[in-house]
Amino acid sequence: MSDTVFILALIGFFLMLFGSILFVIFGQITVRKLRRNPATKDHLGLEFVSGWDILNIATSLALPLFISQKLEKSPFSFTQANAAVLRQHTNKIDRLLAFTVSSLLYSCTFVVLLAAILNSLI
């Protein structure tokens, strides 16, 4: 394994570690508040596995409104959290944390996949 691939894998690992810590914090602070609220309880999206709704909520709050509105019109909208309802019941700190969690988890996935591809090519 070359030094570049090792550094990419290390960066991906630390992004994943930091993203996982923020994922738990987001789940404990924001998602717990939304689960207890009767107005948002039925708008959290489909939970395939335990914790999937945390990622659903983070992604819905992190996406721009026009993308969320297009996703709500799709046939698979029942799997996504309703961003309009969630935005009414969250504050800016919750949305910033959602954007950070979503960005970190998706970017670390990209970095680790890039490191794996580069490792197979070298």
PDB file of N, CA and C in Angstrom:
ATOM      1  N   MET A   1       0.848  -1.167   0.000  1.00  0.00           N
ATOM      2  CA  MET A   1       0.000   0.000   0.000  1.00  0.00           C
ATOM      3  C   MET A   1       0.897   1.234   0.000  1.00  0.00           C
ATOM      4  N   SER A   2       0.623   2.163  -0.882  1.00  0.00           N
ATOM      5  CA  SER A   2       1.457   3.354  -0.979  1.00  0.00           C
ATOM      6  C   SER A   2       1.095   4.350   0.123  1.00  0.00           C
ATOM      7  N   ASP A   3       1.944   5.351   0.268  1.00  0.00           N
ATOM      8  CA  ASP A   3       1.724   6.354   1.306  1.00  0.00           C
ATOM      9  C   ASP A   3       0.458   7.162   1.060  1.00  0.00           C
ATOM     10  N   THR A   4       0.145   7.455  -0.192  1.00  0.00           N
ATOM     11  CA  THR A   4      -1.053   8.238  -0.513  1.00  0.00           C
ATOM     12  C   THR A   4      -2.320   7.481  -0.125  1.00  0.00           C
ATOM     13  N   VAL A   5      -2.353   6.212  -0.425  1.00  0.00           N
ATOM     14  CA  VAL A   5      -3.524   5.400  -0.091  1.00  0.00           C
ATOM     15  C   VAL A   5      -3.652   5.274   1.421  1.00  0.00           C
ATOM     16  N   PHE A   6      -2.522   5.105   2.102  1.00  0.00           N
ATOM     17  CA  PHE A   6      -2.556   4.999   3.562  1.00  0.00           C
ATOM     18  C   PHE A   6      -3.070   6.290   4.188  1.00  0.00           C
ATOM     19  N   ILE A   7      -2.624   7.424   3.688  1.00  0.00           N
ATOM     20  CA  ILE A   7      -3.071   8.711   4.218  1.00  0.00           C
ATOM     21  C   ILE A   7      -4.560   8.909   3.951  1.00  0.00           C
ATOM     22  N   LEU A   8      -5.027   8.534   2.750  1.00  0.00           N
ATOM     23  CA  LEU A   8      -6.455   8.623   2.445  1.00  0.00           C
ATOM     24  C   LEU A   8      -7.280   7.732   3.371  1.00  0.00           C
ATOM     25  N   ALA A   9      -6.814   6.527   3.608  1.00  0.00           N
ATOM     26  CA  ALA A   9      -7.526   5.612   4.501  1.00  0.00           C
ATOM     27  C   ALA A   9      -7.544   6.150   5.926  1.00  0.00           C
ATOM     28  N   LEU A  10      -6.444   6.743   6.351  1.00  0.00           N
ATOM     29  CA  LEU A  10      -6.363   7.311   7.695  1.00  0.00           C
ATOM     30  C   LEU A  10      -7.297   8.507   7.841  1.00  0.00           C
ATOM     31  N   ILE A  11      -7.340   9.360   6.822  1.00  0.00           N
ATOM     32  CA  ILE A  11      -8.263  10.501   6.843  1.00  0.00           C
ATOM     33  C   ILE A  11      -9.706  10.003   6.882  1.00  0.00           C
ATOM     34  N   GLY A  12     -10.000   8.998   6.076  1.00  0.00           N
ATOM     35  CA  GLY A  12     -11.342   8.419   6.076  1.00  0.00           C
ATOM     36  C   GLY A  12     -11.723   7.831   7.416  1.00  0.00           C
ATOM     37  N   PHE A  13     -10.758   7.181   8.070  1.00  0.00           N
ATOM     38  CA  PHE A  13     -11.016   6.595   9.381  1.00  0.00           C
ATOM     39  C   PHE A  13     -11.349   7.675  10.405  1.00  0.00           C
ATOM     40  N   PHE A  14     -10.553   8.748  10.442  1.00  0.00           N
ATOM     41  CA  PHE A  14     -10.799   9.796  11.418  1.00  0.00           C
ATOM     42  C   PHE A  14     -12.081  10.573  11.115  1.00  0.00           C
ATOM     43  N   LEU A  15     -12.401  10.762   9.834  1.00  0.00           N
ATOM     44  CA  LEU A  15     -13.688  11.372   9.489  1.00  0.00           C
ATOM     45  C   LEU A  15     -14.842  10.485   9.950  1.00  0.00           C
ATOM     46  N   MET A  16     -14.688   9.176   9.768  1.00  0.00           N
ATOM     47  CA  MET A  16     -15.715   8.241  10.181  1.00  0.00           C
ATOM     48  C   MET A  16     -15.870   8.223  11.705  1.00  0.00           C
ATOM     49  N   LEU A  17     -14.762   8.289  12.420  1.00  0.00           N
ATOM     50  CA  LEU A  17     -14.801   8.304  13.878  1.00  0.00           C
ATOM     51  C   LEU A  17     -15.510   9.559  14.379  1.00  0.00           C
ATOM     52  N   PHE A  18     -15.126  10.711  13.857  1.00  0.00           N
ATOM     53  CA  PHE A  18     -15.744  11.966  14.258  1.00  0.00           C
ATOM     54  C   PHE A  18     -17.212  12.004  13.834  1.00  0.00           C
ATOM     55  N   GLY A  19     -17.519  11.523  12.634  1.00  0.00           N
ATOM     56  CA  GLY A  19     -18.902  11.472  12.170  1.00  0.00           C
ATOM     57  C   GLY A  19     -19.757  10.542  13.015  1.00  0.00           C
ATOM     58  N   SER A  20     -19.189   9.442  13.475  1.00  0.00           N
ATOM     59  CA  SER A  20     -19.938   8.506  14.314  1.00  0.00           C
ATOM     60  C   SER A  20     -20.266   9.115  15.671  1.00  0.00           C
ATOM     61  N   ILE A  21     -19.322   9.862  16.227  1.00  0.00           N
ATOM     62  CA  ILE A  21     -19.573  10.539  17.504  1.00  0.00           C
ATOM     63  C   ILE A  21     -20.684  11.573  17.340  1.00  0.00           C
ATOM     64  N   LEU A  22     -20.618  12.356  16.258  1.00  0.00           N
ATOM     65  CA  LEU A  22     -21.672  13.344  16.004  1.00  0.00           C
ATOM     66  C   LEU A  22     -23.003  12.678  15.680  1.00  0.00           C
ATOM     67  N   PHE A  23     -22.965  11.505  15.037  1.00  0.00           N
ATOM     68  CA  PHE A  23     -24.179  10.735  14.732  1.00  0.00           C
ATOM     69  C   PHE A  23     -24.903  10.368  16.027  1.00  0.00           C
ATOM     70  N   VAL A  24     -24.157   9.905  17.017  1.00  0.00           N
ATOM     71  CA  VAL A  24     -24.760   9.535  18.304  1.00  0.00           C
ATOM     72  C   VAL A  24     -25.303  10.773  19.018  1.00  0.00           C
ATOM     73  N   ILE A  25     -24.539  11.866  18.991  1.00  0.00           N
ATOM     74  CA  ILE A  25     -25.000  13.103  19.630  1.00  0.00           C
ATOM     75  C   ILE A  25     -26.277  13.606  18.954  1.00  0.00           C
ATOM     76  N   PHE A  26     -26.308  13.600  17.621  1.00  0.00           N
ATOM     77  CA  PHE A  26     -27.493  14.030  16.881  1.00  0.00           C
ATOM     78  C   PHE A  26     -28.688  13.139  17.215  1.00  0.00           C
ATOM     79  N   GLY A  27     -28.458  11.845  17.308  1.00  0.00           N
ATOM     80  CA  GLY A  27     -29.541  10.924  17.648  1.00  0.00           C
ATOM     81  C   GLY A  27     -30.086  11.157  19.046  1.00  0.00           C
ATOM     82  N   GLN A  28     -29.195  11.442  19.982  1.00  0.00           N
ATOM     83  CA  GLN A  28     -29.625  11.643  21.367  1.00  0.00           C
ATOM     84  C   GLN A  28     -30.311  12.989  21.568  1.00  0.00           C
ATOM     85  N   ILE A  29     -29.875  14.005  20.850  1.00  0.00           N
ATOM     86  CA  ILE A  29     -30.434  15.340  21.065  1.00  0.00           C
ATOM     87  C   ILE A  29     -31.652  15.586  20.172  1.00  0.00           C
ATOM     88  N   THR A  30     -31.455  15.553  18.878  1.00  0.00           N
ATOM     89  CA  THR A  30     -32.498  15.985  17.950  1.00  0.00           C
ATOM     90  C   THR A  30     -33.525  14.895  17.667  1.00  0.00           C
ATOM     91  N   VAL A  31     -33.058  13.709  17.337  1.00  0.00           N
ATOM     92  CA  VAL A  31     -33.986  12.645  16.930  1.00  0.00           C
ATOM     93  C   VAL A  31     -34.855  12.206  18.096  1.00  0.00           C
ATOM     94  N   ARG A  32     -34.307  12.160  19.280  1.00  0.00           N
ATOM     95  CA  ARG A  32     -35.120  11.802  20.440  1.00  0.00           C
ATOM     96  C   ARG A  32     -36.241  12.821  20.646  1.00  0.00           C
ATOM     97  N   LYS A  33     -35.909  14.116  20.458  1.00  0.00           N
ATOM     98  CA  LYS A  33     -36.917  15.174  20.580  1.00  0.00           C
ATOM     99  C   LYS A  33     -38.002  15.009  19.518  1.00  0.00           C
ATOM    100  N   LEU A  34     -37.606  14.661  18.288  1.00  0.00           N
ATOM    101  CA  LEU A  34     -38.579  14.498  17.209  1.00  0.00           C
ATOM    102  C   LEU A  34     -39.421  13.241  17.381  1.00  0.00           C
ATOM    103  N   ARG A  35     -38.861  12.182  17.946  1.00  0.00           N
ATOM    104  CA  ARG A  35     -39.632  10.947  18.166  1.00  0.00           C
ATOM    105  C   ARG A  35     -40.708  11.150  19.221  1.00  0.00           C
ATOM    106  N   ARG A  36     -40.422  11.973  20.212  1.00  0.00           N
ATOM    107  CA  ARG A  36     -41.381  12.200  21.298  1.00  0.00           C
ATOM    108  C   ARG A  36     -42.494  13.169  20.909  1.00  0.00           C
ATOM    109  N   ASN A  37     -42.277  13.968  19.881  1.00  0.00           N
ATOM    110  CA  ASN A  37     -43.257  14.954  19.456  1.00  0.00           C
ATOM    111  C   ASN A  37     -44.332  14.259  18.608  1.00  0.00           C
ATOM    112  N   PRO A  38     -45.612  14.320  19.015  1.00  0.00           N
ATOM    113  CA  PRO A  38     -46.661  13.645  18.237  1.00  0.00           C
ATOM    114  C   PRO A  38     -46.833  14.211  16.826  1.00  0.00           C
ATOM    115  N   ALA A  39     -46.477  15.477  16.606  1.00  0.00           N
ATOM    116  CA  ALA A  39     -46.628  16.081  15.281  1.00  0.00           C
ATOM    117  C   ALA A  39     -45.589  15.563  14.290  1.00  0.00           C
ATOM    118  N   THR A  40     -44.448  15.108  14.771  1.00  0.00           N
ATOM    119  CA  THR A  40     -43.384  14.642  13.882  1.00  0.00           C
ATOM    120  C   THR A  40     -43.181  13.137  13.927  1.00  0.00           C
ATOM    121  N   LYS A  41     -43.831  12.485  14.834  1.00  0.00           N
ATOM    122  CA  LYS A  41     -43.611  11.054  15.043  1.00  0.00           C
ATOM    123  C   LYS A  41     -43.841  10.203  13.791  1.00  0.00           C
ATOM    124  N   ASP A  42     -44.840  10.561  12.992  1.00  0.00           N
ATOM    125  CA  ASP A  42     -45.178   9.779  11.802  1.00  0.00           C
ATOM    126  C   ASP A  42     -44.494  10.280  10.538  1.00  0.00           C
ATOM    127  N   HIS A  43     -43.593  11.247  10.648  1.00  0.00           N
ATOM    128  CA  HIS A  43     -42.936  11.842   9.485  1.00  0.00           C
ATOM    129  C   HIS A  43     -41.432  11.602   9.468  1.00  0.00           C
ATOM    130  N   LEU A  44     -40.962  10.575  10.158  1.00  0.00           N
ATOM    131  CA  LEU A  44     -39.527  10.326  10.269  1.00  0.00           C
ATOM    132  C   LEU A  44     -38.995   9.372   9.206  1.00  0.00           C
ATOM    133  N   GLY A  45     -39.832   8.885   8.348  1.00  0.00           N
ATOM    134  CA  GLY A  45     -39.381   7.991   7.284  1.00  0.00           C
ATOM    135  C   GLY A  45     -39.363   6.540   7.729  1.00  0.00           C
ATOM    136  N   LEU A  46     -39.018   5.690   6.798  1.00  0.00           N
ATOM    137  CA  LEU A  46     -38.977   4.251   7.040  1.00  0.00           C
ATOM    138  C   LEU A  46     -37.660   3.869   7.688  1.00  0.00           C
ATOM    139  N   GLU A  47     -37.740   3.027   8.700  1.00  0.00           N
ATOM    140  CA  GLU A  47     -36.530   2.586   9.389  1.00  0.00           C
ATOM    141  C   GLU A  47     -36.243   1.139   8.990  1.00  0.00           C
ATOM    142  N   PHE A  48     -35.265   0.956   8.084  1.00  0.00           N
ATOM    143  CA  PHE A  48     -34.900  -0.384   7.627  1.00  0.00           C
ATOM    144  C   PHE A  48     -34.214  -1.169   8.740  1.00  0.00           C
ATOM    145  N   VAL A  49     -33.251  -0.542   9.372  1.00  0.00           N
ATOM    146  CA  VAL A  49     -32.531  -1.134  10.501  1.00  0.00           C
ATOM    147  C   VAL A  49     -32.489  -0.094  11.612  1.00  0.00           C
ATOM    148  N   SER A  50     -32.122  -0.518  12.790  1.00  0.00           N
ATOM    149  CA  SER A  50     -32.068   0.389  13.929  1.00  0.00           C
ATOM    150  C   SER A  50     -31.074   1.522  13.668  1.00  0.00           C
ATOM    151  N   GLY A  51     -31.525   2.747  13.851  1.00  0.00           N
ATOM    152  CA  GLY A  51     -30.677   3.906  13.634  1.00  0.00           C
ATOM    153  C   GLY A  51     -30.790   4.515  12.251  1.00  0.00           C
ATOM    154  N   TRP A  52     -31.490   3.840  11.354  1.00  0.00           N
ATOM    155  CA  TRP A  52     -31.613   4.349   9.986  1.00  0.00           C
ATOM    156  C   TRP A  52     -32.400   5.652   9.957  1.00  0.00           C
ATOM    157  N   ASP A  53     -33.357   5.797  10.877  1.00  0.00           N
ATOM    158  CA  ASP A  53     -34.137   7.030  10.897  1.00  0.00           C
ATOM    159  C   ASP A  53     -33.279   8.234  11.275  1.00  0.00           C
ATOM    160  N   ILE A  54     -32.219   8.027  12.033  1.00  0.00           N
ATOM    161  CA  ILE A  54     -31.306   9.119  12.362  1.00  0.00           C
ATOM    162  C   ILE A  54     -30.654   9.631  11.083  1.00  0.00           C
ATOM    163  N   LEU A  55     -30.202   8.714  10.242  1.00  0.00           N
ATOM    164  CA  LEU A  55     -29.598   9.109   8.972  1.00  0.00           C
ATOM    165  C   LEU A  55     -30.641   9.722   8.028  1.00  0.00           C
ATOM    166  N   ASN A  56     -31.868   9.199   8.052  1.00  0.00           N
ATOM    167  CA  ASN A  56     -32.965   9.772   7.258  1.00  0.00           C
ATOM    168  C   ASN A  56     -33.221  11.226   7.642  1.00  0.00           C
ATOM    169  N   ILE A  57     -33.300  11.477   8.934  1.00  0.00           N
ATOM    170  CA  ILE A  57     -33.585  12.824   9.421  1.00  0.00           C
ATOM    171  C   ILE A  57     -32.420  13.753   9.114  1.00  0.00           C
ATOM    172  N   ALA A  58     -31.197  13.288   9.341  1.00  0.00           N
ATOM    173  CA  ALA A  58     -30.028  14.128   9.064  1.00  0.00           C
ATOM    174  C   ALA A  58     -29.944  14.485   7.583  1.00  0.00           C
ATOM    175  N   THR A  59     -30.195  13.522   6.727  1.00  0.00           N
ATOM    176  CA  THR A  59     -30.145  13.784   5.289  1.00  0.00           C
ATOM    177  C   THR A  59     -31.275  14.721   4.862  1.00  0.00           C
ATOM    178  N   SER A  60     -32.468  14.522   5.400  1.00  0.00           N
ATOM    179  CA  SER A  60     -33.593  15.384   5.034  1.00  0.00           C
ATOM    180  C   SER A  60     -33.371  16.826   5.473  1.00  0.00           C
ATOM    181  N   LEU A  61     -32.792  17.015   6.636  1.00  0.00           N
ATOM    182  CA  LEU A  61     -32.535  18.373   7.110  1.00  0.00           C
ATOM    183  C   LEU A  61     -31.338  19.005   6.415  1.00  0.00           C
ATOM    184  N   ALA A  62     -30.424  18.197   5.909  1.00  0.00           N
ATOM    185  CA  ALA A  62     -29.218  18.728   5.270  1.00  0.00           C
ATOM    186  C   ALA A  62     -29.445  19.099   3.806  1.00  0.00           C
ATOM    187  N   LEU A  63     -30.379  18.441   3.152  1.00  0.00           N
ATOM    188  CA  LEU A  63     -30.629  18.721   1.736  1.00  0.00           C
ATOM    189  C   LEU A  63     -31.309  20.074   1.556  1.00  0.00           C
ATOM    190  N   PRO A  64     -31.044  20.749   0.451  1.00  0.00           N
ATOM    191  CA  PRO A  64     -31.777  21.986   0.160  1.00  0.00           C
ATOM    192  C   PRO A  64     -33.272  21.700  -0.034  1.00  0.00           C
ATOM    193  N   LEU A  65     -34.082  22.714   0.186  1.00  0.00           N
ATOM    194  CA  LEU A  65     -35.537  22.530   0.133  1.00  0.00           C
ATOM    195  C   LEU A  65     -36.039  22.054  -1.218  1.00  0.00           C
ATOM    196  N   PHE A  66     -35.473  22.567  -2.307  1.00  0.00           N
ATOM    197  CA  PHE A  66     -35.990  22.167  -3.625  1.00  0.00           C
ATOM    198  C   PHE A  66     -35.717  20.690  -3.906  1.00  0.00           C
ATOM    199  N   ILE A  67     -34.624  20.155  -3.399  1.00  0.00           N
ATOM    200  CA  ILE A  67     -34.356  18.719  -3.579  1.00  0.00           C
ATOM    201  C   ILE A  67     -35.305  17.909  -2.709  1.00  0.00           C
ATOM    202  N   SER A  68     -35.537  18.358  -1.476  1.00  0.00           N
ATOM    203  CA  SER A  68     -36.471  17.654  -0.592  1.00  0.00           C
ATOM    204  C   SER A  68     -37.874  17.633  -1.177  1.00  0.00           C
ATOM    205  N   GLN A  69     -38.285  18.734  -1.792  1.00  0.00           N
ATOM    206  CA  GLN A  69     -39.621  18.778  -2.397  1.00  0.00           C
ATOM    207  C   GLN A  69     -39.732  17.832  -3.591  1.00  0.00           C
ATOM    208  N   LYS A  70     -38.655  17.708  -4.370  1.00  0.00           N
ATOM    209  CA  LYS A  70     -38.671  16.749  -5.492  1.00  0.00           C
ATOM    210  C   LYS A  70     -38.729  15.317  -4.969  1.00  0.00           C
ATOM    211  N   LEU A  71     -38.004  15.034  -3.891  1.00  0.00           N
ATOM    212  CA  LEU A  71     -38.029  13.684  -3.323  1.00  0.00           C
ATOM    213  C   LEU A  71     -39.397  13.336  -2.749  1.00  0.00           C
ATOM    214  N   GLU A  72     -40.110  14.327  -2.219  1.00  0.00           N
ATOM    215  CA  GLU A  72     -41.439  14.070  -1.660  1.00  0.00           C
ATOM    216  C   GLU A  72     -42.461  13.717  -2.739  1.00  0.00           C
ATOM    217  N   LYS A  73     -42.191  14.093  -3.976  1.00  0.00           N
ATOM    218  CA  LYS A  73     -43.103  13.782  -5.081  1.00  0.00           C
ATOM    219  C   LYS A  73     -42.801  12.424  -5.722  1.00  0.00           C
ATOM    220  N   SER A  74     -41.728  11.794  -5.333  1.00  0.00           N
ATOM    221  CA  SER A  74     -41.353  10.512  -5.936  1.00  0.00           C
ATOM    222  C   SER A  74     -42.189   9.373  -5.343  1.00  0.00           C
ATOM    223  N   PRO A  75     -42.247   8.227  -6.038  1.00  0.00           N
ATOM    224  CA  PRO A  75     -43.020   7.088  -5.522  1.00  0.00           C
ATOM    225  C   PRO A  75     -42.445   6.501  -4.236  1.00  0.00           C
ATOM    226  N   PHE A  76     -41.170   6.735  -3.979  1.00  0.00           N
ATOM    227  CA  PHE A  76     -40.538   6.184  -2.786  1.00  0.00           C
ATOM    228  C   PHE A  76     -40.427   7.209  -1.664  1.00  0.00           C
ATOM    229  N   SER A  77     -41.307   8.197  -1.663  1.00  0.00           N
ATOM    230  CA  SER A  77     -41.235   9.259  -0.660  1.00  0.00           C
ATOM    231  C   SER A  77     -41.530   8.744   0.749  1.00  0.00           C
ATOM    232  N   PHE A  78     -42.207   7.608   0.859  1.00  0.00           N
ATOM    233  CA  PHE A  78     -42.506   7.068   2.179  1.00  0.00           C
ATOM    234  C   PHE A  78     -41.248   6.621   2.922  1.00  0.00           C
ATOM    235  N   THR A  79     -40.160   6.399   2.197  1.00  0.00           N
ATOM    236  CA  THR A  79     -38.917   5.986   2.860  1.00  0.00           C
ATOM    237  C   THR A  79     -38.149   7.168   3.443  1.00  0.00           C
ATOM    238  N   GLN A  80     -38.406   8.379   2.935  1.00  0.00           N
ATOM    239  CA  GLN A  80     -37.690   9.577   3.372  1.00  0.00           C
ATOM    240  C   GLN A  80     -38.461  10.302   4.464  1.00  0.00           C
ATOM    241  N   ALA A  81     -37.714  10.989   5.325  1.00  0.00           N
ATOM    242  CA  ALA A  81     -38.337  11.828   6.335  1.00  0.00           C
ATOM    243  C   ALA A  81     -38.895  13.084   5.665  1.00  0.00           C
ATOM    244  N   ASN A  82     -40.000  13.586   6.178  1.00  0.00           N
ATOM    245  CA  ASN A  82     -40.639  14.770   5.616  1.00  0.00           C
ATOM    246  C   ASN A  82     -39.890  16.012   6.094  1.00  0.00           C
ATOM    247  N   ALA A  83     -39.140  16.629   5.199  1.00  0.00           N
ATOM    248  CA  ALA A  83     -38.271  17.745   5.562  1.00  0.00           C
ATOM    249  C   ALA A  83     -39.050  18.979   5.974  1.00  0.00           C
ATOM    250  N   ALA A  84     -40.198  19.223   5.361  1.00  0.00           N
ATOM    251  CA  ALA A  84     -40.982  20.422   5.690  1.00  0.00           C
ATOM    252  C   ALA A  84     -41.471  20.376   7.131  1.00  0.00           C
ATOM    253  N   VAL A  85     -41.956  19.218   7.547  1.00  0.00           N
ATOM    254  CA  VAL A  85     -42.441  19.073   8.923  1.00  0.00           C
ATOM    255  C   VAL A  85     -41.267  19.133   9.903  1.00  0.00           C
ATOM    256  N   LEU A  86     -40.168  18.491   9.549  1.00  0.00           N
ATOM    257  CA  LEU A  86     -39.011  18.474  10.447  1.00  0.00           C
ATOM    258  C   LEU A  86     -38.408  19.861  10.623  1.00  0.00           C
ATOM    259  N   ARG A  87     -38.387  20.658   9.563  1.00  0.00           N
ATOM    260  CA  ARG A  87     -37.824  22.011   9.659  1.00  0.00           C
ATOM    261  C   ARG A  87     -38.664  22.900  10.580  1.00  0.00           C
ATOM    262  N   GLN A  88     -39.947  22.646  10.659  1.00  0.00           N
ATOM    263  CA  GLN A  88     -40.806  23.433  11.552  1.00  0.00           C
ATOM    264  C   GLN A  88     -40.509  23.144  13.022  1.00  0.00           C
ATOM    265  N   HIS A  89     -40.034  21.938  13.312  1.00  0.00           N
ATOM    266  CA  HIS A  89     -39.854  21.516  14.696  1.00  0.00           C
ATOM    267  C   HIS A  89     -38.386  21.403  15.112  1.00  0.00           C
ATOM    268  N   THR A  90     -37.484  21.967  14.321  1.00  0.00           N
ATOM    269  CA  THR A  90     -36.067  21.982  14.691  1.00  0.00           C
ATOM    270  C   THR A  90     -35.548  23.409  14.619  1.00  0.00           C
ATOM    271  N   ASN A  91     -34.466  23.664  15.350  1.00  0.00           N
ATOM    272  CA  ASN A  91     -33.854  24.989  15.304  1.00  0.00           C
ATOM    273  C   ASN A  91     -32.613  24.958  14.415  1.00  0.00           C
ATOM    274  N   LYS A  92     -31.936  26.077  14.303  1.00  0.00           N
ATOM    275  CA  LYS A  92     -30.781  26.164  13.397  1.00  0.00           C
ATOM    276  C   LYS A  92     -29.622  25.292  13.864  1.00  0.00           C
ATOM    277  N   ILE A  93     -29.464  25.128  15.156  1.00  0.00           N
ATOM    278  CA  ILE A  93     -28.376  24.280  15.670  1.00  0.00           C
ATOM    279  C   ILE A  93     -28.623  22.825  15.284  1.00  0.00           C
ATOM    280  N   ASP A  94     -29.875  22.380  15.383  1.00  0.00           N
ATOM    281  CA  ASP A  94     -30.219  21.013  14.973  1.00  0.00           C
ATOM    282  C   ASP A  94     -29.933  20.804  13.490  1.00  0.00           C
ATOM    283  N   ARG A  95     -30.291  21.785  12.663  1.00  0.00           N
ATOM    284  CA  ARG A  95     -30.060  21.673  11.225  1.00  0.00           C
ATOM    285  C   ARG A  95     -28.578  21.716  10.882  1.00  0.00           C
ATOM    286  N   LEU A  96     -27.811  22.526  11.614  1.00  0.00           N
ATOM    287  CA  LEU A  96     -26.359  22.573  11.404  1.00  0.00           C
ATOM    288  C   LEU A  96     -25.726  21.240  11.789  1.00  0.00           C
ATOM    289  N   LEU A  97     -26.156  20.670  12.901  1.00  0.00           N
ATOM    290  CA  LEU A  97     -25.652  19.359  13.314  1.00  0.00           C
ATOM    291  C   LEU A  97     -26.045  18.283  12.308  1.00  0.00           C
ATOM    292  N   ALA A  98     -27.253  18.369  11.767  1.00  0.00           N
ATOM    293  CA  ALA A  98     -27.694  17.408  10.748  1.00  0.00           C
ATOM    294  C   ALA A  98     -26.843  17.520   9.496  1.00  0.00           C
ATOM    295  N   PHE A  99     -26.571  18.748   9.073  1.00  0.00           N
ATOM    296  CA  PHE A  99     -25.730  18.953   7.890  1.00  0.00           C
ATOM    297  C   PHE A  99     -24.320  18.418   8.134  1.00  0.00           C
ATOM    298  N   THR A 100     -23.781  18.647   9.316  1.00  0.00           N
ATOM    299  CA  THR A 100     -22.435  18.168   9.642  1.00  0.00           C
ATOM    300  C   THR A 100     -22.377  16.647   9.668  1.00  0.00           C
ATOM    301  N   VAL A 101     -23.351  16.029  10.308  1.00  0.00           N
ATOM    302  CA  VAL A 101     -23.386  14.557  10.385  1.00  0.00           C
ATOM    303  C   VAL A 101     -23.512  13.957   8.991  1.00  0.00           C
ATOM    304  N   SER A 102     -24.452  14.464   8.218  1.00  0.00           N
ATOM    305  CA  SER A 102     -24.679  13.938   6.877  1.00  0.00           C
ATOM    306  C   SER A 102     -23.445  14.131   5.997  1.00  0.00           C
ATOM    307  N   SER A 103     -22.856  15.314   6.033  1.00  0.00           N
ATOM    308  CA  SER A 103     -21.679  15.592   5.207  1.00  0.00           C
ATOM    309  C   SER A 103     -20.496  14.720   5.599  1.00  0.00           C
ATOM    310  N   LEU A 104     -20.269  14.583   6.900  1.00  0.00           N
ATOM    311  CA  LEU A 104     -19.130  13.773   7.346  1.00  0.00           C
ATOM    312  C   LEU A 104     -19.294  12.308   6.969  1.00  0.00           C
ATOM    313  N   LEU A 105     -20.481  11.761   7.174  1.00  0.00           N
ATOM    314  CA  LEU A 105     -20.665  10.333   6.891  1.00  0.00           C
ATOM    315  C   LEU A 105     -20.568  10.034   5.401  1.00  0.00           C
ATOM    316  N   TYR A 106     -21.127  10.907   4.569  1.00  0.00           N
ATOM    317  CA  TYR A 106     -21.034  10.670   3.129  1.00  0.00           C
ATOM    318  C   TYR A 106     -19.622  10.934   2.599  1.00  0.00           C
ATOM    319  N   SER A 107     -18.946  11.949   3.125  1.00  0.00           N
ATOM    320  CA  SER A 107     -17.592  12.233   2.637  1.00  0.00           C
ATOM    321  C   SER A 107     -16.602  11.169   3.090  1.00  0.00           C
ATOM    322  N   CYS A 108     -16.747  10.645   4.305  1.00  0.00           N
ATOM    323  CA  CYS A 108     -15.820   9.595   4.732  1.00  0.00           C
ATOM    324  C   CYS A 108     -16.059   8.315   3.933  1.00  0.00           C
ATOM    325  N   THR A 109     -17.304   8.055   3.552  1.00  0.00           N
ATOM    326  CA  THR A 109     -17.572   6.902   2.690  1.00  0.00           C
ATOM    327  C   THR A 109     -16.877   7.076   1.346  1.00  0.00           C
ATOM    328  N   PHE A 110     -16.962   8.269   0.781  1.00  0.00           N
ATOM    329  CA  PHE A 110     -16.294   8.554  -0.487  1.00  0.00           C
ATOM    330  C   PHE A 110     -14.782   8.396  -0.361  1.00  0.00           C
ATOM    331  N   VAL A 111     -14.188   8.907   0.705  1.00  0.00           N
ATOM    332  CA  VAL A 111     -12.731   8.841   0.883  1.00  0.00           C
ATOM    333  C   VAL A 111     -12.265   7.396   1.057  1.00  0.00           C
ATOM    334  N   VAL A 112     -12.994   6.615   1.834  1.00  0.00           N
ATOM    335  CA  VAL A 112     -12.602   5.212   2.047  1.00  0.00           C
ATOM    336  C   VAL A 112     -12.763   4.411   0.749  1.00  0.00           C
ATOM    337  N   LEU A 113     -13.832   4.665  -0.004  1.00  0.00           N
ATOM    338  CA  LEU A 113     -13.992   3.976  -1.294  1.00  0.00           C
ATOM    339  C   LEU A 113     -12.899   4.390  -2.280  1.00  0.00           C
ATOM    340  N   LEU A 114     -12.526   5.655  -2.289  1.00  0.00           N
ATOM    341  CA  LEU A 114     -11.442   6.119  -3.137  1.00  0.00           C
ATOM    342  C   LEU A 114     -10.126   5.455  -2.754  1.00  0.00           C
ATOM    343  N   ALA A 115      -9.867   5.323  -1.460  1.00  0.00           N
ATOM    344  CA  ALA A 115      -8.656   4.649  -1.009  1.00  0.00           C
ATOM    345  C   ALA A 115      -8.662   3.191  -1.423  1.00  0.00           C
ATOM    346  N   ALA A 116      -9.813   2.529  -1.344  1.00  0.00           N
ATOM    347  CA  ALA A 116      -9.886   1.124  -1.749  1.00  0.00           C
ATOM    348  C   ALA A 116      -9.657   0.963  -3.248  1.00  0.00           C
ATOM    349  N   ILE A 117     -10.225   1.869  -4.033  1.00  0.00           N
ATOM    350  CA  ILE A 117     -10.027   1.808  -5.491  1.00  0.00           C
ATOM    351  C   ILE A 117      -8.578   2.071  -5.840  1.00  0.00           C
ATOM    352  N   LEU A 118      -7.990   3.082  -5.225  1.00  0.00           N
ATOM    353  CA  LEU A 118      -6.581   3.377  -5.499  1.00  0.00           C
ATOM    354  C   LEU A 118      -5.669   2.244  -5.065  1.00  0.00           C
ATOM    355  N   ASN A 119      -6.027   1.595  -3.964  1.00  0.00           N
ATOM    356  CA  ASN A 119      -5.229   0.461  -3.482  1.00  0.00           C
ATOM    357  C   ASN A 119      -5.273  -0.687  -4.479  1.00  0.00           C
ATOM    358  N   SER A 120      -6.425  -0.908  -5.104  1.00  0.00           N
ATOM    359  CA  SER A 120      -6.509  -2.007  -6.080  1.00  0.00           C
ATOM    360  C   SER A 120      -5.796  -1.676  -7.387  1.00  0.00           C
ATOM    361  N   LEU A 121      -5.673  -0.389  -7.684  1.00  0.00           N
ATOM    362  CA  LEU A 121      -4.987   0.007  -8.916  1.00  0.00           C
ATOM    363  C   LEU A 121      -3.460   0.028  -8.772  1.00  0.00           C
ATOM    364  N   ILE A 122      -2.988   0.263  -7.572  1.00  0.00           N
ATOM    365  CA  ILE A 122      -1.534   0.390  -7.356  1.00  0.00           C
ATOM    366  C   ILE A 122      -0.915  -0.954  -7.058  1.00  0.00           C
TER     367      ILE A 122
END
